[in-house]
Amino acid sequence: MTIAEVNSKSQVSLYKNHNILWDPKRSSHYNKSEREAAWRDIAAASSIEVEDFKKKNTSLLGSFRREKSRTRKSLLAGTGPEDVYKSKWFAFDTFEFFNERNLPQTAADSMLEAFQAQEGSTSNSETSSHIKPTKKIKRKLNNNHSASEALAQIRTQPESSSADHYASFGNYVANELRKYDKITLA
């Protein structure tokens, strides 16, 4: 491994330790001044200018996304497990923390966590009995008499299976021509 690769890996670990920069689940992630302070801390620790560190990080993240995309595409190809793409990029394993970035939380978990934080309880069995299930809303179907009348009319009409496709097309053209006024038809 070259010195540049070692430096890049140490930069990634500094970035990982400041999860305010990459974890949108944290409330401080959306505070610009706190994020800038985190960038300054990282730059000071690595003795690199903030803008240079951001550029390097953007480049590394782009490379990680490329490798991740290749892996995902090889899984979708329908090939065997031995044909799945395995990244050889030096920092791929270092960026594994980034895979957890956009994992959704289930609603029940977030409700449970909020309740536990509020009550200070740690027992799941106690708190799960206090959470009310969401109420399902049932829609009432309106009895539409016009729809049922139309269906009854269709059923009472004789089957026109004896008419061939040419006659059906001719009827269609005739109906379309009836829509035009006399000047247009002339």
Protein backbone atom coordinates (compact mmCIF):
# COMPACT_ATOMS: atom_id res chain seq x y z
CA MET A 1 0.00 0.00 0.00
CA THR A 2 1.35 3.40 -0.95
CA ILE A 3 1.66 6.43 1.33
CA ALA A 4 -1.19 8.14 -0.54
CA GLU A 5 -3.46 5.15 0.11
CA VAL A 6 -2.56 5.14 3.81
CA ASN A 7 -3.26 8.88 4.01
CA SER A 8 -6.59 8.39 2.24
CA LYS A 9 -7.60 5.63 4.64
CA SER A 10 -6.73 7.81 7.64
CA GLN A 11 -8.78 10.64 6.11
CA VAL A 12 -11.73 8.29 5.71
CA SER A 13 -11.46 7.19 9.33
CA LEU A 14 -11.44 10.85 10.44
CA TYR A 15 -14.52 11.42 8.28
CA LYS A 16 -16.17 8.34 9.81
CA ASN A 17 -15.57 9.61 13.36
CA HIS A 18 -17.38 12.88 12.55
CA ASN A 19 -20.75 11.32 11.72
CA ILE A 20 -22.39 14.73 11.75
CA LEU A 21 -21.02 15.06 8.19
CA TRP A 22 -22.42 11.87 6.72
CA ASP A 23 -25.36 10.71 8.88
CA PRO A 24 -28.62 12.49 7.99
CA LYS A 25 -30.36 10.85 10.98
CA ARG A 26 -28.48 13.17 13.32
CA SER A 27 -30.25 16.46 13.93
CA SER A 28 -26.97 18.38 13.88
CA HIS A 29 -26.31 17.10 10.34
CA TYR A 30 -28.53 19.91 9.07
CA ASN A 31 -26.74 22.62 11.05
CA LYS A 32 -24.27 24.26 8.67
CA SER A 33 -22.10 25.86 11.36
CA GLU A 34 -21.66 22.55 13.21
CA ARG A 35 -20.76 20.78 9.98
CA GLU A 36 -18.19 23.45 9.13
CA ALA A 37 -16.71 23.09 12.63
CA ALA A 38 -16.41 19.34 12.05
CA TRP A 39 -14.66 19.94 8.70
CA ARG A 40 -12.21 22.31 10.44
CA ASP A 41 -11.52 19.69 13.15
CA ILE A 42 -10.77 17.05 10.54
CA ALA A 43 -8.57 19.42 8.54
CA ALA A 44 -6.62 20.37 11.67
CA ALA A 45 -6.13 16.72 12.62
CA SER A 46 -4.88 15.81 9.17
CA SER A 47 -2.94 19.07 8.58
CA ILE A 48 -4.70 19.65 5.25
CA GLU A 49 -6.73 22.67 4.15
CA VAL A 50 -10.50 22.27 4.54
CA GLU A 51 -11.24 22.74 0.84
CA ASP A 52 -8.54 20.24 -0.17
CA PHE A 53 -9.92 17.71 2.31
CA LYS A 54 -13.46 18.21 0.96
CA LYS A 55 -12.25 17.68 -2.62
CA LYS A 56 -10.36 14.53 -1.64
CA ASN A 57 -13.39 13.25 0.26
CA THR A 58 -15.69 13.94 -2.71
CA SER A 59 -13.34 12.00 -4.95
CA LEU A 60 -13.16 9.07 -2.54
CA LEU A 61 -16.95 9.00 -2.14
CA GLY A 62 -17.36 8.98 -5.92
CA SER A 63 -15.01 6.03 -6.21
CA PHE A 64 -16.87 4.22 -3.44
CA ARG A 65 -20.21 4.79 -5.19
CA ARG A 66 -18.73 3.47 -8.44
CA GLU A 67 -17.51 0.27 -6.78
CA LYS A 68 -20.77 -0.15 -4.89
CA SER A 69 -22.70 0.24 -8.16
CA ARG A 70 -20.56 -2.39 -9.85
CA THR A 71 -21.25 -4.81 -7.01
CA ARG A 72 -24.99 -4.11 -7.12
CA LYS A 73 -25.12 -4.57 -10.90
CA SER A 74 -23.30 -7.89 -10.69
CA LEU A 75 -25.85 -9.12 -8.16
CA LEU A 76 -28.73 -8.20 -10.48
CA ALA A 77 -27.20 -9.92 -13.48
CA GLY A 78 -28.48 -13.30 -12.36
CA THR A 79 -25.06 -14.92 -12.39
CA GLY A 80 -23.77 -17.38 -9.85
CA PRO A 81 -22.25 -16.40 -6.50
CA GLU A 82 -18.73 -16.89 -7.84
CA ASP A 83 -19.36 -14.26 -10.54
CA VAL A 84 -20.36 -11.45 -8.14
CA TYR A 85 -18.05 -8.47 -8.47
CA LYS A 86 -15.60 -8.15 -5.57
CA SER A 87 -14.04 -4.71 -5.36
CA LYS A 88 -10.26 -4.47 -5.35
CA TRP A 89 -10.27 -0.74 -4.59
CA PHE A 90 -8.08 -0.09 -1.56
CA ALA A 91 -10.63 1.95 0.43
CA PHE A 92 -13.77 -0.06 -0.28
CA ASP A 93 -13.76 -1.83 3.09
CA THR A 94 -12.97 1.43 4.86
CA PHE A 95 -16.22 2.97 3.56
CA GLU A 96 -18.44 0.12 4.80
CA PHE A 97 -19.88 2.44 7.46
CA PHE A 98 -21.39 4.48 4.64
CA ASN A 99 -23.75 1.62 3.70
CA GLU A 100 -25.73 2.21 6.90
CA ARG A 101 -26.27 5.86 6.07
CA ASN A 102 -29.64 5.60 4.34
CA LEU A 103 -31.15 2.57 6.02
CA PRO A 104 -34.75 3.39 6.87
CA GLN A 105 -36.06 3.01 10.37
CA THR A 106 -39.34 1.27 10.86
CA ALA A 107 -42.12 3.31 12.39
CA ALA A 108 -42.56 0.93 15.30
CA ASP A 109 -38.88 1.18 16.21
CA SER A 110 -38.88 4.96 16.17
CA MET A 111 -42.05 5.05 18.26
CA LEU A 112 -40.54 2.60 20.70
CA GLU A 113 -37.29 4.58 20.93
CA ALA A 114 -39.20 7.80 21.54
CA PHE A 115 -41.26 6.15 24.24
CA GLN A 116 -38.18 4.66 25.89
CA ALA A 117 -36.43 8.02 25.84
CA GLN A 118 -39.47 9.65 27.37
CA GLU A 119 -40.03 7.04 30.09
CA GLY A 120 -36.41 6.03 30.63
CA SER A 121 -37.42 2.39 30.34
CA THR A 122 -35.19 -0.28 28.85
CA SER A 123 -37.61 -3.20 28.76
CA ASN A 124 -39.17 -3.85 25.35
CA SER A 125 -41.95 -6.01 26.79
CA GLU A 126 -43.18 -3.24 29.07
CA THR A 127 -43.16 -0.54 26.41
CA SER A 128 -44.66 -2.57 23.62
CA SER A 129 -47.93 -2.95 25.54
CA HIS A 130 -48.27 0.85 25.82
CA ILE A 131 -47.97 1.55 22.10
CA LYS A 132 -51.34 1.71 20.41
CA PRO A 133 -51.59 0.09 16.99
CA THR A 134 -52.40 2.39 14.15
CA LYS A 135 -56.06 2.49 13.25
CA LYS A 136 -56.91 1.27 9.78
CA ILE A 137 -59.33 3.44 7.90
CA LYS A 138 -61.90 1.58 5.86
CA ARG A 139 -63.50 3.35 2.96
CA LYS A 140 -67.18 2.90 2.37
CA LEU A 141 -68.08 2.14 -1.20
CA ASN A 142 -70.80 4.35 -2.58
CA ASN A 143 -73.56 2.41 -4.24
CA ASN A 144 -73.47 3.93 -7.68
CA HIS A 145 -76.78 3.12 -9.35
CA SER A 146 -75.75 4.51 -12.72
CA ALA A 147 -72.86 2.05 -12.96
CA SER A 148 -75.11 -0.89 -12.13
CA GLU A 149 -77.68 0.32 -14.70
CA ALA A 150 -75.00 0.56 -17.39
CA LEU A 151 -73.81 -2.95 -16.56
CA ALA A 152 -77.37 -4.26 -16.82
CA GLN A 153 -77.78 -2.60 -20.23
CA ILE A 154 -74.59 -4.15 -21.51
CA ARG A 155 -75.71 -7.57 -20.37
CA THR A 156 -79.10 -7.26 -22.06
CA GLN A 157 -77.66 -6.28 -25.46
CA PRO A 158 -77.27 -9.16 -27.89
CA GLU A 159 -73.84 -10.56 -28.52
CA SER A 160 -72.32 -9.26 -31.74
CA SER A 161 -69.84 -12.09 -32.06
CA SER A 162 -71.17 -12.81 -35.53
CA ALA A 163 -69.81 -9.45 -36.77
CA ASP A 164 -66.29 -9.69 -38.08
CA HIS A 165 -63.47 -7.28 -37.40
CA TYR A 166 -64.03 -5.40 -40.64
CA ALA A 167 -67.62 -4.57 -39.73
CA SER A 168 -66.52 -3.40 -36.28
CA PHE A 169 -63.89 -1.16 -37.83
CA GLY A 170 -66.44 0.21 -40.30
CA ASN A 171 -68.81 1.05 -37.42
CA TYR A 172 -65.95 2.79 -35.62
CA VAL A 173 -65.09 4.93 -38.68
CA ALA A 174 -68.77 5.77 -39.19
CA ASN A 175 -69.11 6.89 -35.56
CA GLU A 176 -66.01 9.06 -35.86
CA LEU A 177 -67.32 10.67 -39.08
CA ARG A 178 -70.61 11.51 -37.37
CA LYS A 179 -68.70 13.80 -34.98
CA TYR A 180 -67.74 16.18 -37.79
CA ASP A 181 -70.00 18.99 -38.99
CA LYS A 182 -71.33 19.21 -42.56
CA ILE A 183 -68.69 21.72 -43.72
CA THR A 184 -65.83 19.50 -42.64
CA LEU A 185 -67.43 16.45 -44.27
CA ALA A 186 -67.95 18.26 -47.60
